[in-house]
């Protein structure tokens, strides 16, 4: 892979730097002792030490084109200068005081989120709780739903194959039995129905016991599954008729990723609660739960909290990230770049179909060879992942260039040609579950 000039957004272009001084391209890196880490993840085959824009460098100095963005997190690319400068300035000023006291950055970020929820021009009039991850944002939403609904109405209905986090309550909402089973008994009050099935949701939503419906506008970890166009609209109508909260998990889809600020905006739906994280801090751990004012008012001081949530350091990263996103109009960029990437993927050998919106795309393969294809792509210097054995997921930076898209497609084409019709059995390799990430 050749060195590239990387687009850096509103702060101006940044000249790509070379590998770390301590490493030379192709050099063998010294073994890293990981024995003090819990084995909650598979052993990594690559250790990254530095990034710039859409480029990553490993510990041996090898260069990679990142089309995963740390699972839709670094949506402005790695080491964006505006975000890096904001973090550095805030670290020299004030990092943390706890929520016993105020800070000047958090309220400004909350107001911006409220405006983006409203479409980007005027504030929606809601309120925000800050956390540190998507799972924590969903925990806040679940607690808020129960507090709002009152005694007896405690159930939350979500969908099979959804992913809402790995804490106990968010895991209970996650519709994946294999992930839940080792940790039984989970908190009660969580029901699941098939995704994109309004009839099943109608049957499950007993207003005498159900407080909320929790749903992803596009199921990311299930393989970028897009519902029919009437699904969210139907859920909104159902929830309104039965006085049940519609809570939308935008952890992976939010902040321009799908071509709108939030996935629910494609259909003009107005949720009661929205959870978000991932791209909000461009790599700084930040999560948030937004709610309509009459719903947010159910919380009183002492009902919920977070030691680190809303601290000045994280809020400064979020503030800078959102400013660049708005100045760059990342929803429009995602639509244009996504169309180019999708068109290229649709011509690939071994690809049966392409689904998704904007720059959250999945190539559905003709057979279950996604895992070996991912491994070979990584060896060739392209970072993607396989949320399902027959699905490749793509979530590049929202500032990705046309040249980078074409480079990724050029890297991928010969790899998929080995596995598609006529590909060799040896090339297909051993299929293994990569699993989903934590939140």
Protein backbone atom coordinates (compact mmCIF):
# COMPACT_ATOMS: atom_id res chain seq x y z
CA UNK A 1 0.00 0.00 0.00
CA UNK A 2 1.40 3.39 -0.95
CA UNK A 3 1.59 6.46 1.27
CA UNK A 4 -1.44 8.72 0.85
CA UNK A 5 -2.29 12.33 1.49
CA UNK A 6 -5.00 12.26 4.16
CA UNK A 7 -7.95 14.65 4.30
CA UNK A 8 -8.12 16.14 7.78
CA UNK A 9 -11.35 18.10 7.66
CA UNK A 10 -11.99 21.63 8.79
CA UNK A 11 -8.59 22.13 10.35
CA UNK A 12 -6.93 21.70 6.96
CA UNK A 13 -4.92 18.88 5.39
CA UNK A 14 -2.30 17.07 7.38
CA UNK A 15 0.75 15.68 5.67
CA UNK A 16 0.92 11.91 6.22
CA UNK A 17 3.71 10.93 8.53
CA UNK A 18 5.87 7.87 8.18
CA UNK A 19 6.11 4.85 10.46
CA UNK A 20 7.24 5.29 14.07
CA UNK A 21 10.91 6.04 14.40
CA UNK A 22 11.45 2.88 16.42
CA UNK A 23 10.13 0.64 13.66
CA UNK A 24 11.00 0.08 10.05
CA UNK A 25 8.48 -1.25 7.53
CA UNK A 26 8.47 -5.02 7.52
CA UNK A 27 10.51 -5.30 10.70
CA UNK A 28 9.48 -7.92 13.25
CA UNK A 29 8.02 -6.30 16.35
CA UNK A 30 9.13 -7.51 19.77
CA UNK A 31 6.56 -9.85 21.38
CA UNK A 32 4.11 -8.02 23.61
CA UNK A 33 3.36 -9.53 27.00
CA UNK A 34 -0.47 -9.66 27.30
CA UNK A 35 -0.56 -12.05 30.24
CA UNK A 36 -1.96 -9.42 32.63
CA UNK A 37 -5.07 -8.91 30.45
CA UNK A 38 -8.28 -10.90 30.97
CA UNK A 39 -9.06 -13.14 28.01
CA UNK A 40 -12.29 -11.43 27.01
CA UNK A 41 -11.07 -10.98 23.43
CA UNK A 42 -9.38 -13.25 20.94
CA UNK A 43 -5.64 -12.72 20.73
CA UNK A 44 -5.01 -9.94 18.19
CA UNK A 45 -2.97 -10.69 15.09
CA UNK A 46 -1.99 -7.04 14.71
CA UNK A 47 -1.05 -4.36 17.24
CA UNK A 48 -1.62 -0.80 16.04
CA UNK A 49 0.53 1.98 17.44
CA UNK A 50 -0.44 5.08 15.46
CA UNK A 51 -3.03 6.45 13.05
CA UNK A 52 -3.62 9.44 10.80
CA UNK A 53 -6.85 9.96 8.90
CA UNK A 54 -7.81 6.66 7.30
CA UNK A 55 -4.33 5.19 7.80
CA UNK A 56 -3.15 2.94 10.61
CA UNK A 57 0.39 1.74 11.39
CA UNK A 58 1.18 -1.43 13.25
CA UNK A 59 4.06 -2.11 15.63
CA UNK A 60 6.24 -3.22 12.72
CA UNK A 61 5.57 -0.03 10.76
CA UNK A 62 3.22 -1.61 8.22
CA UNK A 63 0.51 0.67 6.84
CA UNK A 64 -3.20 -0.21 6.70
CA UNK A 65 -6.28 1.43 5.19
CA UNK A 66 -8.91 1.55 7.93
CA UNK A 67 -12.44 0.85 6.68
CA UNK A 68 -13.81 -0.10 10.10
CA UNK A 69 -13.02 3.05 12.15
CA UNK A 70 -12.73 1.12 15.39
CA UNK A 71 -16.31 -0.13 14.85
CA UNK A 72 -17.77 3.18 13.62
CA UNK A 73 -16.01 5.23 16.32
CA UNK A 74 -13.28 7.31 14.64
CA UNK A 75 -15.67 8.83 12.11
CA UNK A 76 -13.34 11.79 11.47
CA UNK A 77 -10.35 9.50 11.03
CA UNK A 78 -7.50 8.92 13.42
CA UNK A 79 -5.72 11.78 15.22
CA UNK A 80 -7.92 14.48 13.72
CA UNK A 81 -6.02 17.71 14.47
CA UNK A 82 -9.03 19.68 15.76
CA UNK A 83 -10.07 16.92 18.15
CA UNK A 84 -6.48 16.24 19.25
CA UNK A 85 -5.93 19.94 19.94
CA UNK A 86 -9.16 20.21 21.94
CA UNK A 87 -8.23 17.21 24.10
CA UNK A 88 -4.71 18.53 24.69
CA UNK A 89 -5.91 22.03 25.58
CA UNK A 90 -8.54 20.72 27.98
CA UNK A 91 -6.06 18.30 29.58
CA UNK A 92 -3.88 21.30 30.41
CA UNK A 93 -6.88 23.20 31.83
CA UNK A 94 -9.32 20.92 33.69
CA UNK A 95 -9.98 17.22 33.17
CA UNK A 96 -12.45 16.25 35.88
CA UNK A 97 -14.39 17.64 38.85
CA UNK A 98 -17.28 15.12 39.19
CA UNK A 99 -20.95 15.91 38.73
CA UNK A 100 -21.15 17.47 42.17
CA UNK A 101 -20.03 20.60 40.30
CA UNK A 102 -20.65 22.10 36.90
CA UNK A 103 -18.38 22.59 33.90
CA UNK A 104 -18.78 24.92 30.95
CA UNK A 105 -18.45 22.39 28.13
CA UNK A 106 -21.13 19.81 28.95
CA UNK A 107 -24.16 22.11 28.59
CA UNK A 108 -22.91 23.30 25.20
CA UNK A 109 -22.50 19.74 23.91
CA UNK A 110 -25.96 18.81 25.23
CA UNK A 111 -27.50 21.74 23.36
CA UNK A 112 -25.76 20.70 20.15
CA UNK A 113 -27.00 17.12 20.50
CA UNK A 114 -30.53 18.38 21.08
CA UNK A 115 -30.30 20.49 17.94
CA UNK A 116 -28.98 17.58 15.84
CA UNK A 117 -31.78 15.35 17.15
CA UNK A 118 -34.12 18.03 15.84
CA UNK A 119 -32.50 17.90 12.41
CA UNK A 120 -29.64 20.37 12.86
CA UNK A 121 -31.35 23.76 12.72
CA UNK A 122 -33.52 24.23 15.81
CA UNK A 123 -33.34 22.46 19.15
CA UNK A 124 -35.73 19.58 19.68
CA UNK A 125 -36.36 20.66 23.27
CA UNK A 126 -35.09 17.49 24.95
CA UNK A 127 -32.52 16.83 27.65
CA UNK A 128 -29.31 14.76 27.77
CA UNK A 129 -27.56 12.50 30.26
CA UNK A 130 -23.86 11.86 29.57
CA UNK A 131 -22.21 8.49 30.10
CA UNK A 132 -19.08 6.77 28.80
CA UNK A 133 -20.33 4.12 26.37
CA UNK A 134 -23.29 2.85 24.40
CA UNK A 135 -24.12 0.20 26.98
CA UNK A 136 -24.27 2.87 29.69
CA UNK A 137 -26.45 5.06 27.48
CA UNK A 138 -28.85 2.14 27.06
CA UNK A 139 -28.79 1.42 30.80
CA UNK A 140 -29.85 5.03 31.34
CA UNK A 141 -32.66 4.63 28.83
CA UNK A 142 -33.93 1.45 30.49
CA UNK A 143 -33.91 3.01 33.96
CA UNK A 144 -35.59 6.14 32.62
CA UNK A 145 -38.33 4.10 30.96
CA UNK A 146 -39.13 2.29 34.20
CA UNK A 147 -39.04 5.52 36.22
CA UNK A 148 -41.31 7.23 33.71
CA UNK A 149 -43.83 4.38 33.44
CA UNK A 150 -44.16 3.81 37.18
CA UNK A 151 -44.82 0.66 39.23
CA UNK A 152 -46.10 -2.36 37.30
CA UNK A 153 -45.00 -1.14 33.87
CA UNK A 154 -41.40 -2.28 33.71
CA UNK A 155 -41.01 -4.44 30.59
CA UNK A 156 -38.83 -3.45 27.64
CA UNK A 157 -39.43 -5.08 24.26
CA UNK A 158 -36.48 -5.34 21.88
CA UNK A 159 -35.69 -7.60 18.92
CA UNK A 160 -33.93 -10.86 18.29
CA UNK A 161 -30.37 -10.42 16.95
CA UNK A 162 -30.22 -6.86 18.31
CA UNK A 163 -27.12 -5.74 20.17
CA UNK A 164 -27.51 -3.17 22.96
CA UNK A 165 -24.47 -3.86 25.16
CA UNK A 166 -22.91 -6.32 27.59
CA UNK A 167 -23.84 -4.94 31.02
CA UNK A 168 -26.52 -7.07 32.65
CA UNK A 169 -29.55 -4.97 31.70
CA UNK A 170 -28.32 -4.08 28.21
CA UNK A 171 -27.39 -7.76 27.71
CA UNK A 172 -30.92 -8.73 28.74
CA UNK A 173 -32.17 -6.36 26.03
CA UNK A 174 -29.74 -7.86 23.51
CA UNK A 175 -31.58 -10.52 21.53
CA UNK A 176 -28.80 -13.10 21.35
CA UNK A 177 -29.32 -16.16 23.55
CA UNK A 178 -25.75 -17.42 23.16
CA UNK A 179 -24.42 -14.24 24.73
CA UNK A 180 -26.98 -14.26 27.53
CA UNK A 181 -26.80 -17.92 28.56
CA UNK A 182 -23.54 -17.87 30.60
CA UNK A 183 -24.86 -15.00 32.75
CA UNK A 184 -28.29 -16.24 33.70
CA UNK A 185 -30.34 -15.25 35.55
CA UNK A 186 -30.47 -11.87 33.86
CA UNK A 187 -32.70 -9.02 35.07
CA UNK A 188 -36.36 -9.77 34.36
CA UNK A 189 -38.71 -7.70 32.27
CA UNK A 190 -37.12 -8.02 28.83
CA UNK A 191 -39.05 -9.50 25.89
CA UNK A 192 -37.89 -10.09 22.32
CA UNK A 193 -39.64 -10.29 18.98
CA UNK A 194 -38.34 -10.68 15.40
CA UNK A 195 -36.87 -7.53 13.85
CA UNK A 196 -39.00 -5.79 11.22
CA UNK A 197 -42.15 -7.61 12.36
CA UNK A 198 -44.85 -5.13 13.37
CA UNK A 199 -47.41 -7.84 14.03
CA UNK A 200 -45.13 -9.54 16.56
CA UNK A 201 -44.38 -6.22 18.21
CA UNK A 202 -48.10 -5.45 18.38
CA UNK A 203 -48.71 -8.75 20.20
CA UNK A 204 -45.85 -8.17 22.66
CA UNK A 205 -46.71 -4.59 23.64
CA UNK A 206 -49.20 -5.00 26.46
CA UNK A 207 -49.61 -1.44 27.79
CA UNK A 208 -50.36 -2.80 31.26
CA UNK A 209 -46.76 -4.03 31.68
CA UNK A 210 -44.61 -2.64 28.82
CA UNK A 211 -42.82 0.64 29.43
CA UNK A 212 -40.77 0.91 26.25
CA UNK A 213 -39.70 -0.51 22.91
CA UNK A 214 -35.93 -0.43 22.29
CA UNK A 215 -34.86 -0.82 18.67
CA UNK A 216 -31.96 -0.12 16.32
CA UNK A 217 -32.86 1.77 13.11
CA UNK A 218 -30.34 -0.50 11.36
CA UNK A 219 -29.01 -3.58 13.14
CA UNK A 220 -25.24 -3.19 12.91
CA UNK A 221 -23.85 -6.23 14.74
CA UNK A 222 -26.48 -8.47 13.14
CA UNK A 223 -24.88 -7.73 9.79
CA UNK A 224 -26.17 -4.25 8.86
CA UNK A 225 -29.82 -5.30 8.54
CA UNK A 226 -32.12 -2.56 7.22
CA UNK A 227 -35.85 -2.82 8.08
CA UNK A 228 -38.67 -2.12 5.68
CA UNK A 229 -39.58 1.53 5.24
CA UNK A 230 -42.77 1.30 7.30
CA UNK A 231 -41.20 -0.39 10.34
CA UNK A 232 -40.12 2.60 12.44
CA UNK A 233 -43.21 4.53 11.38
CA UNK A 234 -45.37 1.62 12.53
CA UNK A 235 -43.50 1.38 15.82
CA UNK A 236 -44.04 5.09 16.44
CA UNK A 237 -47.77 4.74 15.83
CA UNK A 238 -48.02 1.65 18.03
CA UNK A 239 -46.11 3.24 20.91
CA UNK A 240 -48.12 6.46 20.71
CA UNK A 241 -51.42 4.60 20.77
CA UNK A 242 -50.43 2.62 23.88
CA UNK A 243 -48.46 5.28 25.75
CA UNK A 244 -45.24 3.26 25.44
CA UNK A 245 -41.86 4.91 24.92
CA UNK A 246 -40.12 4.46 21.56
CA UNK A 247 -36.39 4.29 22.38
CA UNK A 248 -33.98 4.25 19.40
CA UNK A 249 -30.46 2.88 19.82
CA UNK A 250 -28.30 5.09 17.56
CA UNK A 251 -25.00 3.97 19.09
CA UNK A 252 -23.65 2.72 15.76
CA UNK A 253 -25.86 4.61 13.32
CA UNK A 254 -25.70 8.11 14.80
CA UNK A 255 -23.78 11.23 13.79
CA UNK A 256 -24.04 11.13 10.02
CA UNK A 257 -23.03 7.51 9.55
CA UNK A 258 -26.15 6.58 7.55
CA UNK A 259 -26.42 9.83 5.58
CA UNK A 260 -28.57 11.68 8.12
CA UNK A 261 -27.58 12.90 11.57
CA UNK A 262 -29.49 9.95 13.01
CA UNK A 263 -30.95 6.88 11.40
CA UNK A 264 -34.52 7.56 12.52
CA UNK A 265 -34.49 10.84 10.56
CA UNK A 266 -34.66 9.02 7.22
CA UNK A 267 -38.35 8.39 7.88
CA UNK A 268 -39.29 11.51 9.83
CA UNK A 269 -39.97 9.54 13.00
CA UNK A 270 -39.74 11.32 16.37
CA UNK A 271 -38.51 8.99 19.14
CA UNK A 272 -39.06 9.52 22.84
CA UNK A 273 -35.52 8.47 23.79
CA UNK A 274 -32.32 8.26 21.72
CA UNK A 275 -29.09 6.61 22.85
CA UNK A 276 -25.73 7.38 21.26
CA UNK A 277 -21.99 6.88 21.73
CA UNK A 278 -19.22 5.59 19.40
CA UNK A 279 -18.60 8.52 17.00
CA UNK A 280 -19.52 11.21 19.53
CA UNK A 281 -15.95 11.59 20.83
CA UNK A 282 -14.05 10.32 17.76
CA UNK A 283 -12.30 7.81 20.03
CA UNK A 284 -12.73 9.49 23.41
CA UNK A 285 -15.17 7.38 25.49
CA UNK A 286 -18.44 9.33 25.43
CA UNK A 287 -22.02 8.12 25.53
CA UNK A 288 -25.30 9.99 25.83
CA UNK A 289 -29.00 9.40 26.37
CA UNK A 290 -31.42 12.03 25.03
CA UNK A 291 -35.09 12.15 25.98
CA UNK A 292 -38.08 14.37 25.36
CA UNK A 293 -38.49 16.83 28.26
CA UNK A 294 -41.60 15.23 29.72
CA UNK A 295 -39.81 11.86 29.74
CA UNK A 296 -36.52 13.23 31.08
CA UNK A 297 -38.46 14.89 33.89
CA UNK A 298 -39.11 11.44 35.40
CA UNK A 299 -35.54 11.45 36.73
CA UNK A 300 -34.86 13.39 39.91
CA UNK A 301 -31.47 14.00 41.57
CA UNK A 302 -30.08 10.72 42.86
CA UNK A 303 -31.95 8.49 40.37
CA UNK A 304 -29.00 8.05 38.04
CA UNK A 305 -25.39 9.15 37.72
CA UNK A 306 -21.90 8.53 36.37
CA UNK A 307 -18.56 9.45 37.90
CA UNK A 308 -16.94 10.26 34.57
CA UNK A 309 -20.00 11.08 32.47
CA UNK A 310 -19.95 14.63 31.12
CA UNK A 311 -16.47 15.44 32.42
CA UNK A 312 -14.66 18.38 30.75
CA UNK A 313 -12.06 16.24 28.94
CA UNK A 314 -14.60 13.98 27.25
CA UNK A 315 -16.92 16.91 26.54
CA UNK A 316 -14.16 18.89 24.84
CA UNK A 317 -13.50 15.94 22.53
CA UNK A 318 -17.23 15.72 21.76
CA UNK A 319 -17.51 19.45 21.20
CA UNK A 320 -14.63 19.49 18.71
CA UNK A 321 -15.89 16.34 16.98
CA UNK A 322 -19.38 17.76 16.49
CA UNK A 323 -17.99 21.08 15.23
CA UNK A 324 -15.96 19.32 12.53
CA UNK A 325 -18.89 17.07 11.64
CA UNK A 326 -21.12 20.07 11.09
CA UNK A 327 -18.53 22.11 9.17
CA UNK A 328 -17.83 19.14 6.91
CA UNK A 329 -21.55 18.23 6.55
CA UNK A 330 -20.71 14.60 7.23
CA UNK A 331 -24.23 13.30 6.45
CA UNK A 332 -23.88 14.58 2.88
CA UNK A 333 -20.36 13.18 2.65
CA UNK A 334 -21.60 9.80 3.89
CA UNK A 335 -24.31 9.73 1.23
CA UNK A 336 -21.90 10.51 -1.59
CA UNK A 337 -19.04 8.30 -0.43
CA UNK A 338 -21.45 5.51 0.48
CA UNK A 339 -22.94 5.52 -3.01
CA UNK A 340 -19.45 5.16 -4.51
CA UNK A 341 -18.48 2.35 -2.13
CA UNK A 342 -21.76 0.52 -2.62
CA UNK A 343 -21.52 0.72 -6.40
CA UNK A 344 -18.03 -0.76 -6.26
CA UNK A 345 -18.99 -3.55 -3.88
CA UNK A 346 -21.94 -4.53 -6.06
CA UNK A 347 -19.53 -5.41 -8.88
CA UNK A 348 -17.34 -7.63 -6.69
CA UNK A 349 -17.03 -11.36 -7.31
CA UNK A 350 -18.55 -13.41 -4.50
CA UNK A 351 -20.91 -10.60 -3.42
CA UNK A 352 -24.59 -11.52 -3.56
CA UNK A 353 -25.93 -8.14 -2.44
CA UNK A 354 -25.01 -4.94 -0.61
CA UNK A 355 -27.16 -3.45 2.14
CA UNK A 356 -27.01 -0.50 4.50
CA UNK A 357 -27.19 3.27 4.35
CA UNK A 358 -24.50 5.91 3.82
CA UNK A 359 -21.16 4.64 5.10
CA UNK A 360 -22.55 1.77 7.15
CA UNK A 361 -22.57 -0.97 4.53
CA UNK A 362 -22.46 -4.75 4.39
CA UNK A 363 -21.48 -6.99 1.52
CA UNK A 364 -23.55 -10.16 1.75
CA UNK A 365 -21.44 -12.96 0.31
CA UNK A 366 -22.43 -15.94 -1.79
CA UNK A 367 -21.12 -18.31 0.89
CA UNK A 368 -19.75 -18.26 4.45
CA UNK A 369 -16.22 -17.05 3.72
CA UNK A 370 -16.32 -13.65 5.42
CA UNK A 371 -13.85 -14.53 8.20
CA UNK A 372 -11.04 -15.83 5.96
CA UNK A 373 -11.67 -12.93 3.56
CA UNK A 374 -11.26 -10.50 6.48
CA UNK A 375 -8.05 -12.18 7.53
CA UNK A 376 -6.64 -11.96 4.01
CA UNK A 377 -7.74 -8.33 3.69
CA UNK A 378 -5.86 -7.51 6.89
CA UNK A 379 -2.77 -9.20 5.53
CA UNK A 380 -3.14 -7.06 2.41
CA UNK A 381 -3.45 -3.89 4.51
CA UNK A 382 -7.23 -3.35 4.61
CA UNK A 383 -9.17 -3.29 7.91
CA UNK A 384 -12.78 -4.54 7.78
CA UNK A 385 -14.69 -7.11 9.83
CA UNK A 386 -17.18 -9.98 9.62
CA UNK A 387 -20.18 -9.60 11.94
CA UNK A 388 -21.63 -12.76 10.38
CA UNK A 389 -19.96 -15.67 8.53
CA UNK A 390 -21.39 -14.46 5.20
CA UNK A 391 -21.21 -10.69 5.79
CA UNK A 392 -18.39 -8.14 5.47
CA UNK A 393 -18.97 -4.80 7.24
CA UNK A 394 -17.60 -1.46 6.05
CA UNK A 395 -17.62 1.68 8.22
CA UNK A 396 -14.81 3.97 7.03
CA UNK A 397 -14.18 7.51 8.15
CA UNK A 398 -16.90 9.93 7.10
CA UNK A 399 -14.05 12.02 5.64
CA UNK A 400 -12.87 9.14 3.46
CA UNK A 401 -11.68 10.22 0.02
CA UNK A 402 -12.67 8.83 -3.37
CA UNK A 403 -9.08 7.64 -3.84
CA UNK A 404 -9.24 5.71 -0.55
CA UNK A 405 -12.53 4.08 -1.54
CA UNK A 406 -11.07 3.04 -4.88
CA UNK A 407 -7.95 1.71 -3.14
CA UNK A 408 -10.05 -0.38 -0.73
CA UNK A 409 -12.08 -1.80 -3.61
CA UNK A 410 -8.90 -2.58 -5.52
CA UNK A 411 -7.48 -4.43 -2.53
CA UNK A 412 -10.67 -6.38 -1.93
CA UNK A 413 -11.49 -7.48 -5.47
CA UNK A 414 -8.75 -10.12 -5.97
CA UNK A 415 -9.33 -11.45 -2.45
CA UNK A 416 -13.03 -12.04 -3.04
CA UNK A 417 -12.30 -13.52 -6.46
CA UNK A 418 -10.51 -16.39 -4.67
CA UNK A 419 -13.66 -17.21 -2.68
CA UNK A 420 -16.46 -16.53 -5.14
CA UNK A 421 -17.63 -18.86 -7.88
CA UNK A 422 -14.56 -20.75 -9.05
CA UNK A 423 -12.54 -19.90 -5.93
CA UNK A 424 -10.41 -22.62 -4.37
CA UNK A 425 -11.40 -24.53 -1.25
CA UNK A 426 -8.02 -23.68 0.29
CA UNK A 427 -8.63 -19.98 -0.15
CA UNK A 428 -11.94 -20.20 1.70
CA UNK A 429 -10.15 -21.36 4.82
CA UNK A 430 -11.65 -22.08 8.20
CA UNK A 431 -14.77 -20.10 9.13
CA UNK A 432 -14.90 -18.98 12.78
CA UNK A 433 -17.14 -16.57 14.65
CA UNK A 434 -15.44 -13.22 15.27
CA UNK A 435 -18.16 -12.22 17.72
CA UNK A 436 -19.41 -8.77 18.54
CA UNK A 437 -17.54 -6.04 20.36
CA UNK A 438 -18.36 -4.71 23.79
CA UNK A 439 -20.01 -1.33 24.22
